[in-house]
């Protein structure tokens, strides 16, 4: 029930931001510069790699329990996922497409498919989550959404990259999780 409530809050905040009605939740100067669409040459910070690997291990345990092959860790997909997690945190949005905040308004820079293929030509899909603190909550949220569930459990996808970024606003930690999937 908690993840359902948190997920709905996340979607509500996203709608407020995309409608231009919301205030920027936080300002973050510690992130790498993200302007426009990624080039594929970015190497975002890996300061949260232990959280990313924890989610990776839990996803592979789920896939194995379903009789599926486990994912392989793909550095291009990892860089794409980390880039997107940091970009969402920097520009205060939640969406698979890439936005920049210009004069307080969100402007679309590129679509999911335009962004992820710059990091890996075989990239095919992405799952995102925010306001969830544990990999278990993230996986359950993704299992509850048809498209995200398909990305998690598709036998077609063999490679994965996980990105995680966290910022603090008014003493509250805000987490962004990204999983990019592809074929080998």
N, C-alpha and C. Protein backbone atom coordinates (compact mmCIF):
# COMPACT_ATOMS: atom_id res chain seq x y z
N UNK A 1 0.82 -1.19 0.00
CA UNK A 1 0.00 0.00 0.00
C UNK A 1 0.87 1.26 0.00
N UNK A 2 1.99 1.20 0.76
CA UNK A 2 2.89 2.35 0.83
C UNK A 2 3.43 2.69 -0.56
N UNK A 3 3.88 1.65 -1.32
CA UNK A 3 4.45 1.94 -2.64
C UNK A 3 3.37 2.49 -3.58
N UNK A 4 2.14 2.00 -3.46
CA UNK A 4 1.05 2.52 -4.28
C UNK A 4 0.86 4.01 -4.00
N UNK A 5 0.84 4.38 -2.70
CA UNK A 5 0.66 5.76 -2.30
C UNK A 5 1.82 6.62 -2.79
N UNK A 6 3.06 6.15 -2.58
CA UNK A 6 4.23 6.91 -3.01
C UNK A 6 4.26 7.07 -4.52
N UNK A 7 3.90 6.01 -5.24
CA UNK A 7 3.89 6.07 -6.70
C UNK A 7 2.88 7.12 -7.17
N UNK A 8 1.72 7.14 -6.58
CA UNK A 8 0.70 8.10 -6.97
C UNK A 8 1.14 9.53 -6.67
N UNK A 9 1.83 9.73 -5.53
CA UNK A 9 2.37 11.05 -5.23
C UNK A 9 3.37 11.45 -6.31
N UNK A 10 4.22 10.51 -6.70
CA UNK A 10 5.22 10.78 -7.74
C UNK A 10 4.57 11.19 -9.04
N UNK A 11 3.54 10.47 -9.47
CA UNK A 11 2.85 10.82 -10.71
C UNK A 11 2.18 12.19 -10.59
N UNK A 12 1.61 12.49 -9.42
CA UNK A 12 0.97 13.77 -9.20
C UNK A 12 2.00 14.90 -9.30
N UNK A 13 3.15 14.72 -8.65
CA UNK A 13 4.20 15.74 -8.73
C UNK A 13 4.68 15.93 -10.16
N UNK A 14 4.79 14.83 -10.90
CA UNK A 14 5.19 14.92 -12.30
C UNK A 14 4.20 15.75 -13.09
N UNK A 15 2.91 15.51 -12.89
CA UNK A 15 1.90 16.26 -13.63
C UNK A 15 1.95 17.74 -13.29
N UNK A 16 2.17 18.05 -12.02
CA UNK A 16 2.28 19.45 -11.62
C UNK A 16 3.47 20.10 -12.32
N UNK A 17 4.62 19.41 -12.32
CA UNK A 17 5.82 19.98 -12.93
C UNK A 17 5.65 20.13 -14.44
N UNK A 18 5.11 19.11 -15.11
CA UNK A 18 4.95 19.18 -16.56
C UNK A 18 3.95 20.25 -16.96
N UNK A 19 2.99 20.52 -16.10
CA UNK A 19 2.01 21.56 -16.39
C UNK A 19 2.57 22.95 -16.11
N UNK A 20 3.75 23.00 -15.51
CA UNK A 20 4.37 24.29 -15.22
C UNK A 20 3.78 24.96 -14.01
N UNK A 21 3.04 24.21 -13.19
CA UNK A 21 2.39 24.79 -12.03
C UNK A 21 3.24 24.69 -10.78
N UNK A 22 4.23 23.83 -10.80
CA UNK A 22 4.99 23.57 -9.58
C UNK A 22 6.24 24.40 -9.48
N UNK A 23 6.74 24.48 -8.28
CA UNK A 23 8.02 25.13 -8.02
C UNK A 23 9.10 24.06 -8.09
N UNK A 24 10.29 24.47 -8.42
CA UNK A 24 11.42 23.56 -8.41
C UNK A 24 11.62 23.09 -6.97
N UNK A 25 11.63 21.77 -6.75
CA UNK A 25 11.73 21.24 -5.39
C UNK A 25 13.07 21.54 -4.75
N UNK A 26 14.12 21.55 -5.54
CA UNK A 26 15.45 21.76 -4.99
C UNK A 26 16.36 22.23 -6.11
N UNK A 27 17.46 22.80 -5.71
CA UNK A 27 18.48 23.15 -6.69
C UNK A 27 19.70 22.33 -6.35
N UNK A 28 20.33 21.77 -7.35
CA UNK A 28 21.48 20.92 -7.13
C UNK A 28 22.63 21.36 -8.02
N UNK A 29 23.70 21.83 -7.40
CA UNK A 29 24.87 22.27 -8.14
C UNK A 29 25.92 21.18 -8.25
N UNK A 30 25.75 20.07 -7.50
CA UNK A 30 26.79 19.06 -7.48
C UNK A 30 26.72 18.09 -8.66
N UNK A 31 25.71 18.17 -9.49
CA UNK A 31 25.56 17.25 -10.60
C UNK A 31 26.39 17.69 -11.80
N UNK A 32 26.73 16.72 -12.66
CA UNK A 32 27.40 17.08 -13.90
C UNK A 32 26.41 17.88 -14.75
N UNK A 33 26.94 18.69 -15.62
CA UNK A 33 26.09 19.54 -16.45
C UNK A 33 25.30 18.69 -17.45
N UNK A 34 24.00 18.84 -17.42
CA UNK A 34 23.12 18.15 -18.36
C UNK A 34 22.33 19.21 -19.11
N UNK A 35 22.70 19.45 -20.33
CA UNK A 35 21.95 20.38 -21.17
C UNK A 35 21.66 19.68 -22.49
N UNK A 36 20.42 19.75 -22.92
CA UNK A 36 20.05 19.09 -24.16
C UNK A 36 20.03 17.58 -23.99
N UNK A 37 20.08 16.88 -25.10
CA UNK A 37 20.07 15.42 -25.06
C UNK A 37 21.50 14.92 -24.85
N UNK A 38 21.62 13.79 -24.21
CA UNK A 38 22.93 13.19 -23.99
C UNK A 38 23.62 12.91 -25.33
N UNK A 39 24.94 12.95 -25.31
CA UNK A 39 25.72 12.63 -26.51
C UNK A 39 26.12 11.16 -26.54
N UNK A 40 26.11 10.52 -25.37
CA UNK A 40 26.61 9.15 -25.25
C UNK A 40 28.05 9.11 -24.79
N UNK A 41 28.69 10.27 -24.71
CA UNK A 41 30.08 10.35 -24.26
C UNK A 41 30.19 10.69 -22.78
N UNK A 42 29.07 10.86 -22.10
CA UNK A 42 29.08 11.23 -20.68
C UNK A 42 29.46 10.02 -19.81
N UNK A 43 30.14 10.31 -18.72
CA UNK A 43 30.48 9.30 -17.71
C UNK A 43 30.00 9.82 -16.36
N UNK A 44 28.70 9.67 -16.07
CA UNK A 44 28.14 10.19 -14.83
C UNK A 44 28.75 9.51 -13.60
N UNK A 45 28.67 10.21 -12.49
CA UNK A 45 29.19 9.74 -11.21
C UNK A 45 28.65 8.35 -10.86
N UNK A 46 29.51 7.56 -10.23
CA UNK A 46 29.09 6.22 -9.79
C UNK A 46 29.07 6.14 -8.27
N UNK A 47 28.81 7.26 -7.60
CA UNK A 47 28.88 7.29 -6.15
C UNK A 47 27.84 6.40 -5.46
N UNK A 48 26.82 5.96 -6.16
CA UNK A 48 25.79 5.12 -5.57
C UNK A 48 25.82 3.70 -6.14
N UNK A 49 26.98 3.25 -6.60
CA UNK A 49 27.09 1.96 -7.27
C UNK A 49 26.60 0.79 -6.40
N UNK A 50 26.81 0.85 -5.09
CA UNK A 50 26.36 -0.26 -4.23
C UNK A 50 24.84 -0.41 -4.28
N UNK A 51 24.11 0.70 -4.33
CA UNK A 51 22.64 0.63 -4.45
C UNK A 51 22.24 0.08 -5.81
N UNK A 52 22.95 0.51 -6.85
CA UNK A 52 22.66 0.02 -8.20
C UNK A 52 22.90 -1.49 -8.29
N UNK A 53 24.00 -1.95 -7.72
CA UNK A 53 24.31 -3.39 -7.76
C UNK A 53 23.33 -4.20 -6.92
N UNK A 54 22.84 -3.62 -5.82
CA UNK A 54 21.84 -4.30 -5.00
C UNK A 54 20.56 -4.52 -5.82
N UNK A 55 20.11 -3.49 -6.54
CA UNK A 55 18.92 -3.63 -7.38
C UNK A 55 19.19 -4.64 -8.50
N UNK A 56 20.35 -4.58 -9.12
CA UNK A 56 20.75 -5.53 -10.17
C UNK A 56 20.65 -6.97 -9.65
N UNK A 57 21.19 -7.23 -8.47
CA UNK A 57 21.16 -8.58 -7.90
C UNK A 57 19.73 -9.03 -7.64
N UNK A 58 18.88 -8.13 -7.12
CA UNK A 58 17.49 -8.51 -6.84
C UNK A 58 16.70 -8.75 -8.13
N UNK A 59 16.97 -7.96 -9.15
CA UNK A 59 16.31 -8.18 -10.45
C UNK A 59 16.71 -9.54 -11.01
N UNK A 60 17.99 -9.87 -10.94
CA UNK A 60 18.44 -11.16 -11.45
C UNK A 60 17.88 -12.32 -10.64
N UNK A 61 17.73 -12.15 -9.33
CA UNK A 61 17.10 -13.20 -8.51
C UNK A 61 15.65 -13.40 -8.95
N UNK A 62 14.94 -12.31 -9.22
CA UNK A 62 13.56 -12.40 -9.70
C UNK A 62 13.51 -13.12 -11.04
N UNK A 63 14.37 -12.73 -11.97
CA UNK A 63 14.39 -13.37 -13.29
C UNK A 63 14.69 -14.87 -13.16
N UNK A 64 15.65 -15.23 -12.34
CA UNK A 64 15.99 -16.64 -12.15
C UNK A 64 14.81 -17.41 -11.56
N UNK A 65 14.10 -16.79 -10.62
CA UNK A 65 12.94 -17.46 -10.01
C UNK A 65 11.81 -17.67 -11.00
N UNK A 66 11.81 -16.88 -12.08
CA UNK A 66 10.80 -17.01 -13.14
C UNK A 66 11.28 -17.90 -14.28
N UNK A 67 12.46 -18.50 -14.11
CA UNK A 67 13.01 -19.38 -15.14
C UNK A 67 13.64 -18.65 -16.32
N UNK A 68 13.97 -17.38 -16.13
CA UNK A 68 14.57 -16.56 -17.19
C UNK A 68 16.07 -16.45 -16.99
N UNK A 69 16.78 -16.21 -18.08
CA UNK A 69 18.22 -15.94 -17.99
C UNK A 69 18.42 -14.63 -17.24
N UNK A 70 19.50 -14.55 -16.49
CA UNK A 70 19.79 -13.31 -15.77
C UNK A 70 20.38 -12.28 -16.73
N UNK A 71 20.24 -11.02 -16.37
CA UNK A 71 20.80 -9.93 -17.15
C UNK A 71 22.32 -9.88 -16.99
N UNK A 72 23.00 -9.39 -18.02
CA UNK A 72 24.41 -9.04 -17.89
C UNK A 72 24.49 -7.53 -17.69
N UNK A 73 25.49 -7.10 -16.93
CA UNK A 73 25.73 -5.69 -16.63
C UNK A 73 26.37 -5.06 -17.86
N UNK A 74 25.76 -4.02 -18.41
CA UNK A 74 26.26 -3.37 -19.62
C UNK A 74 26.67 -1.93 -19.29
N UNK A 75 27.95 -1.62 -19.45
CA UNK A 75 28.46 -0.29 -19.07
C UNK A 75 27.80 0.84 -19.85
N UNK A 76 27.49 0.65 -21.12
CA UNK A 76 26.80 1.70 -21.88
C UNK A 76 25.41 1.98 -21.31
N UNK A 77 24.69 0.91 -20.98
CA UNK A 77 23.36 1.08 -20.38
C UNK A 77 23.46 1.67 -18.98
N UNK A 78 24.50 1.31 -18.24
CA UNK A 78 24.71 1.90 -16.90
C UNK A 78 24.92 3.40 -17.04
N UNK A 79 25.76 3.82 -17.96
CA UNK A 79 26.00 5.26 -18.15
C UNK A 79 24.72 5.98 -18.55
N UNK A 80 23.91 5.36 -19.41
CA UNK A 80 22.64 5.95 -19.82
C UNK A 80 21.70 6.09 -18.62
N UNK A 81 21.59 5.04 -17.82
CA UNK A 81 20.70 5.06 -16.66
C UNK A 81 21.17 6.09 -15.63
N UNK A 82 22.47 6.12 -15.35
CA UNK A 82 22.99 7.10 -14.40
C UNK A 82 22.77 8.52 -14.90
N UNK A 83 23.02 8.74 -16.17
CA UNK A 83 22.81 10.06 -16.76
C UNK A 83 21.36 10.50 -16.54
N UNK A 84 20.42 9.60 -16.83
CA UNK A 84 19.01 9.99 -16.74
C UNK A 84 18.58 10.21 -15.29
N UNK A 85 19.06 9.38 -14.36
CA UNK A 85 18.72 9.58 -12.94
C UNK A 85 19.21 10.95 -12.48
N UNK A 86 20.44 11.30 -12.84
CA UNK A 86 20.99 12.59 -12.44
C UNK A 86 20.27 13.75 -13.13
N UNK A 87 19.91 13.57 -14.39
CA UNK A 87 19.22 14.63 -15.12
C UNK A 87 17.84 14.91 -14.52
N UNK A 88 17.11 13.84 -14.17
CA UNK A 88 15.80 14.05 -13.54
C UNK A 88 15.96 14.79 -12.22
N UNK A 89 16.99 14.44 -11.44
CA UNK A 89 17.23 15.12 -10.17
C UNK A 89 17.60 16.59 -10.40
N UNK A 90 18.47 16.84 -11.36
CA UNK A 90 18.94 18.20 -11.63
C UNK A 90 17.80 19.11 -12.08
N UNK A 91 16.97 18.61 -12.99
CA UNK A 91 15.91 19.44 -13.55
C UNK A 91 14.54 19.20 -12.93
N UNK A 92 14.50 18.39 -11.87
CA UNK A 92 13.28 18.21 -11.08
C UNK A 92 12.09 17.76 -11.92
N UNK A 93 12.23 16.57 -12.53
CA UNK A 93 11.12 15.98 -13.27
C UNK A 93 11.18 14.47 -13.14
N UNK A 94 10.14 13.79 -13.62
CA UNK A 94 10.06 12.33 -13.57
C UNK A 94 9.39 11.88 -14.86
N UNK A 95 10.20 11.39 -15.81
CA UNK A 95 9.69 11.00 -17.11
C UNK A 95 10.77 10.21 -17.82
N UNK A 96 10.40 9.28 -18.70
CA UNK A 96 11.41 8.54 -19.45
C UNK A 96 12.07 9.40 -20.51
N UNK A 97 11.41 10.42 -20.99
CA UNK A 97 12.02 11.34 -21.95
C UNK A 97 12.90 12.34 -21.20
N UNK A 98 13.79 13.02 -21.92
CA UNK A 98 14.74 13.95 -21.31
C UNK A 98 14.26 15.38 -21.47
N UNK A 99 14.25 16.11 -20.35
CA UNK A 99 13.82 17.50 -20.31
C UNK A 99 14.92 18.37 -19.73
N UNK A 100 14.91 19.64 -20.09
CA UNK A 100 15.70 20.67 -19.42
C UNK A 100 14.73 21.67 -18.85
N UNK A 101 15.09 22.24 -17.71
CA UNK A 101 14.28 23.29 -17.11
C UNK A 101 14.86 24.63 -17.59
N UNK A 102 14.04 25.37 -18.33
CA UNK A 102 14.46 26.66 -18.88
C UNK A 102 13.49 27.72 -18.37
N UNK A 103 14.01 28.69 -17.64
CA UNK A 103 13.18 29.75 -17.06
C UNK A 103 12.01 29.17 -16.26
N UNK A 104 12.28 28.10 -15.52
CA UNK A 104 11.27 27.49 -14.67
C UNK A 104 10.33 26.53 -15.37
N UNK A 105 10.43 26.41 -16.68
CA UNK A 105 9.55 25.53 -17.44
C UNK A 105 10.33 24.34 -18.00
N UNK A 106 9.68 23.18 -18.07
CA UNK A 106 10.32 22.01 -18.65
C UNK A 106 10.17 22.03 -20.16
N UNK A 107 11.29 21.78 -20.85
CA UNK A 107 11.28 21.71 -22.31
C UNK A 107 11.85 20.37 -22.73
N UNK A 108 11.11 19.65 -23.57
CA UNK A 108 11.55 18.35 -24.08
C UNK A 108 12.83 18.52 -24.88
N UNK A 109 13.84 17.69 -24.58
CA UNK A 109 15.11 17.73 -25.30
C UNK A 109 15.25 16.55 -26.25
N UNK A 110 14.80 15.37 -25.81
CA UNK A 110 14.82 14.19 -26.68
C UNK A 110 13.99 13.09 -26.03
N UNK A 111 13.59 12.14 -26.84
CA UNK A 111 12.80 11.02 -26.35
C UNK A 111 13.72 9.96 -25.74
N UNK A 112 13.11 9.05 -25.03
CA UNK A 112 13.83 7.92 -24.45
C UNK A 112 14.67 7.21 -25.50
N UNK A 113 14.06 6.85 -26.61
CA UNK A 113 14.79 6.07 -27.63
C UNK A 113 15.91 6.88 -28.26
N UNK A 114 15.73 8.18 -28.42
CA UNK A 114 16.81 9.02 -28.95
C UNK A 114 18.00 9.07 -27.99
N UNK A 115 17.72 9.08 -26.69
CA UNK A 115 18.79 9.18 -25.69
C UNK A 115 19.54 7.88 -25.51
N UNK A 116 18.82 6.77 -25.26
CA UNK A 116 19.54 5.56 -24.84
C UNK A 116 20.37 4.93 -25.95
N UNK A 117 19.97 5.09 -27.20
CA UNK A 117 20.78 4.49 -28.28
C UNK A 117 22.12 5.20 -28.44
N UNK A 118 22.24 6.39 -27.90
CA UNK A 118 23.53 7.09 -27.96
C UNK A 118 24.56 6.43 -27.03
N UNK A 119 24.08 5.70 -26.03
CA UNK A 119 24.97 5.00 -25.11
C UNK A 119 25.16 3.54 -25.51
N UNK A 120 24.14 2.95 -26.15
CA UNK A 120 24.21 1.54 -26.55
C UNK A 120 23.25 1.36 -27.72
N UNK A 121 23.77 0.98 -28.88
CA UNK A 121 22.95 0.84 -30.09
C UNK A 121 21.87 -0.23 -29.95
N UNK A 122 22.03 -1.14 -28.99
CA UNK A 122 21.06 -2.22 -28.80
C UNK A 122 20.10 -1.95 -27.64
N UNK A 123 20.07 -0.72 -27.14
CA UNK A 123 19.18 -0.36 -26.05
C UNK A 123 17.73 -0.39 -26.54
N UNK A 124 16.83 -0.88 -25.69
CA UNK A 124 15.44 -1.06 -26.12
C UNK A 124 14.39 -0.45 -25.20
N UNK A 125 14.67 -0.29 -23.91
CA UNK A 125 13.62 0.20 -23.02
C UNK A 125 14.16 0.71 -21.71
N UNK A 126 13.26 1.29 -20.91
CA UNK A 126 13.66 1.89 -19.64
C UNK A 126 12.52 1.82 -18.64
N UNK A 127 12.89 1.57 -17.40
CA UNK A 127 11.99 1.69 -16.26
C UNK A 127 12.51 2.81 -15.37
N UNK A 128 11.61 3.58 -14.77
CA UNK A 128 12.01 4.63 -13.83
C UNK A 128 11.14 4.54 -12.59
N UNK A 129 11.69 5.02 -11.48
CA UNK A 129 10.95 5.10 -10.22
C UNK A 129 11.55 6.23 -9.40
N UNK A 130 10.74 6.82 -8.53
CA UNK A 130 11.30 7.77 -7.57
C UNK A 130 10.45 7.78 -6.32
N UNK A 131 11.04 8.35 -5.27
CA UNK A 131 10.44 8.39 -3.93
C UNK A 131 10.35 7.01 -3.30
N UNK A 132 11.11 6.05 -3.78
CA UNK A 132 11.14 4.70 -3.21
C UNK A 132 12.55 4.46 -2.68
N UNK A 133 12.64 3.98 -1.43
CA UNK A 133 13.95 3.91 -0.81
C UNK A 133 14.67 2.58 -0.99
N UNK A 134 13.96 1.51 -1.30
CA UNK A 134 14.63 0.21 -1.37
C UNK A 134 14.42 -0.46 -2.73
N UNK A 135 15.38 -1.29 -3.13
CA UNK A 135 15.21 -2.05 -4.37
C UNK A 135 13.96 -2.92 -4.37
N UNK A 136 13.59 -3.45 -3.22
CA UNK A 136 12.38 -4.28 -3.13
C UNK A 136 11.14 -3.47 -3.51
N UNK A 137 11.04 -2.24 -3.01
CA UNK A 137 9.91 -1.37 -3.36
C UNK A 137 9.92 -1.03 -4.85
N UNK A 138 11.11 -0.78 -5.39
CA UNK A 138 11.23 -0.44 -6.80
C UNK A 138 10.75 -1.59 -7.67
N UNK A 139 11.23 -2.79 -7.37
CA UNK A 139 10.84 -3.97 -8.16
C UNK A 139 9.34 -4.19 -8.08
N UNK A 140 8.77 -4.09 -6.88
CA UNK A 140 7.32 -4.30 -6.74
C UNK A 140 6.54 -3.27 -7.55
N UNK A 141 6.97 -2.02 -7.52
CA UNK A 141 6.31 -0.97 -8.30
C UNK A 141 6.38 -1.30 -9.79
N UNK A 142 7.53 -1.75 -10.25
CA UNK A 142 7.69 -2.09 -11.66
C UNK A 142 6.87 -3.32 -12.04
N UNK A 143 6.74 -4.27 -11.13
CA UNK A 143 5.92 -5.45 -11.41
C UNK A 143 4.44 -5.08 -11.53
N UNK A 144 4.03 -4.02 -10.85
CA UNK A 144 2.63 -3.59 -10.86
C UNK A 144 2.24 -2.80 -12.12
N UNK A 145 3.22 -2.37 -12.91
CA UNK A 145 2.96 -1.61 -14.13
C UNK A 145 3.30 -2.48 -15.34
N UNK A 146 2.34 -2.69 -16.24
CA UNK A 146 2.49 -3.65 -17.34
C UNK A 146 3.76 -3.44 -18.18
N UNK A 147 4.01 -2.23 -18.64
CA UNK A 147 5.18 -1.98 -19.48
C UNK A 147 6.49 -2.20 -18.73
N UNK A 148 6.52 -1.75 -17.47
CA UNK A 148 7.73 -1.94 -16.66
C UNK A 148 7.94 -3.42 -16.36
N UNK A 149 6.84 -4.14 -16.09
CA UNK A 149 6.92 -5.58 -15.83
C UNK A 149 7.50 -6.30 -17.05
N UNK A 150 7.05 -5.90 -18.22
CA UNK A 150 7.54 -6.51 -19.46
C UNK A 150 9.05 -6.31 -19.60
N UNK A 151 9.54 -5.11 -19.29
CA UNK A 151 10.98 -4.86 -19.36
C UNK A 151 11.75 -5.73 -18.37
N UNK A 152 11.20 -5.91 -17.18
CA UNK A 152 11.85 -6.74 -16.15
C UNK A 152 11.92 -8.21 -16.55
N UNK A 153 10.84 -8.72 -17.13
CA UNK A 153 10.70 -10.16 -17.32
C UNK A 153 10.74 -10.62 -18.77
N UNK A 154 11.10 -9.76 -19.68
CA UNK A 154 11.16 -10.16 -21.09
C UNK A 154 12.35 -11.08 -21.33
N UNK A 155 12.11 -12.24 -21.98
CA UNK A 155 13.24 -13.11 -22.32
C UNK A 155 14.09 -12.55 -23.46
N UNK A 156 13.58 -11.54 -24.14
CA UNK A 156 14.31 -10.93 -25.26
C UNK A 156 15.49 -10.08 -24.76
N UNK A 157 15.30 -9.39 -23.64
CA UNK A 157 16.35 -8.52 -23.12
C UNK A 157 17.37 -9.33 -22.35
N UNK A 158 18.65 -9.04 -22.62
CA UNK A 158 19.73 -9.78 -21.96
C UNK A 158 20.67 -8.86 -21.19
N UNK A 159 20.69 -7.58 -21.52
CA UNK A 159 21.63 -6.64 -20.91
C UNK A 159 20.87 -5.57 -20.14
N UNK A 160 21.50 -5.07 -19.08
CA UNK A 160 20.85 -4.07 -18.24
C UNK A 160 21.88 -3.08 -17.72
N UNK A 161 21.40 -1.88 -17.45
CA UNK A 161 22.17 -0.87 -16.74
C UNK A 161 21.27 -0.24 -15.71
N UNK A 162 21.79 -0.05 -14.51
CA UNK A 162 21.02 0.54 -13.42
C UNK A 162 21.65 1.88 -13.04
N UNK A 163 20.81 2.88 -12.86
CA UNK A 163 21.26 4.18 -12.37
C UNK A 163 20.44 4.58 -11.16
N UNK A 164 21.09 5.19 -10.20
CA UNK A 164 20.43 5.66 -8.99
C UNK A 164 21.04 7.01 -8.64
N UNK A 165 20.19 7.93 -8.22
CA UNK A 165 20.69 9.20 -7.71
C UNK A 165 19.75 9.67 -6.61
N UNK A 166 20.32 10.29 -5.60
CA UNK A 166 19.55 10.76 -4.47
C UNK A 166 19.93 12.19 -4.14
N UNK A 167 18.93 13.00 -3.86
CA UNK A 167 19.15 14.38 -3.41
C UNK A 167 18.33 14.59 -2.14
N UNK A 168 18.70 15.58 -1.37
CA UNK A 168 17.97 15.90 -0.15
C UNK A 168 17.33 17.27 -0.31
N UNK A 169 16.06 17.32 0.03
CA UNK A 169 15.31 18.58 -0.01
C UNK A 169 14.52 18.68 1.28
N UNK A 170 14.74 19.76 2.01
CA UNK A 170 14.06 19.98 3.28
C UNK A 170 14.11 18.74 4.16
N UNK A 171 15.29 18.19 4.33
CA UNK A 171 15.56 17.02 5.18
C UNK A 171 14.90 15.74 4.68
N UNK A 172 14.39 15.72 3.46
CA UNK A 172 13.78 14.51 2.91
C UNK A 172 14.63 14.04 1.74
N UNK A 173 14.96 12.75 1.77
CA UNK A 173 15.73 12.17 0.68
C UNK A 173 14.79 11.84 -0.48
N UNK A 174 15.19 12.26 -1.68
CA UNK A 174 14.41 11.98 -2.89
C UNK A 174 15.29 11.12 -3.79
N UNK A 175 14.81 9.90 -4.07
CA UNK A 175 15.58 8.93 -4.84
C UNK A 175 15.02 8.81 -6.25
N UNK A 176 15.94 8.66 -7.20
CA UNK A 176 15.59 8.41 -8.60
C UNK A 176 16.26 7.11 -9.03
N UNK A 177 15.48 6.16 -9.53
CA UNK A 177 15.97 4.87 -9.99
C UNK A 177 15.69 4.74 -11.48
N UNK A 178 16.66 4.24 -12.23
CA UNK A 178 16.50 4.03 -13.67
C UNK A 178 17.09 2.67 -14.04
N UNK A 179 16.35 1.91 -14.84
CA UNK A 179 16.84 0.64 -15.39
C UNK A 179 16.70 0.71 -16.90
N UNK A 180 17.82 0.63 -17.61
CA UNK A 180 17.79 0.58 -19.07
C UNK A 180 18.10 -0.85 -19.51
N UNK A 181 17.34 -1.36 -20.48
CA UNK A 181 17.51 -2.74 -20.94
C UNK A 181 17.82 -2.76 -22.43
N UNK A 182 18.47 -3.85 -22.85
CA UNK A 182 18.80 -3.99 -24.26
C UNK A 182 19.12 -5.43 -24.61
N UNK A 183 19.47 -5.63 -25.85
CA UNK A 183 19.87 -6.96 -26.32
C UNK A 183 21.37 -6.94 -26.57
N UNK A 184 21.96 -8.13 -26.65
CA UNK A 184 23.41 -8.20 -26.92
C UNK A 184 23.69 -8.37 -28.37
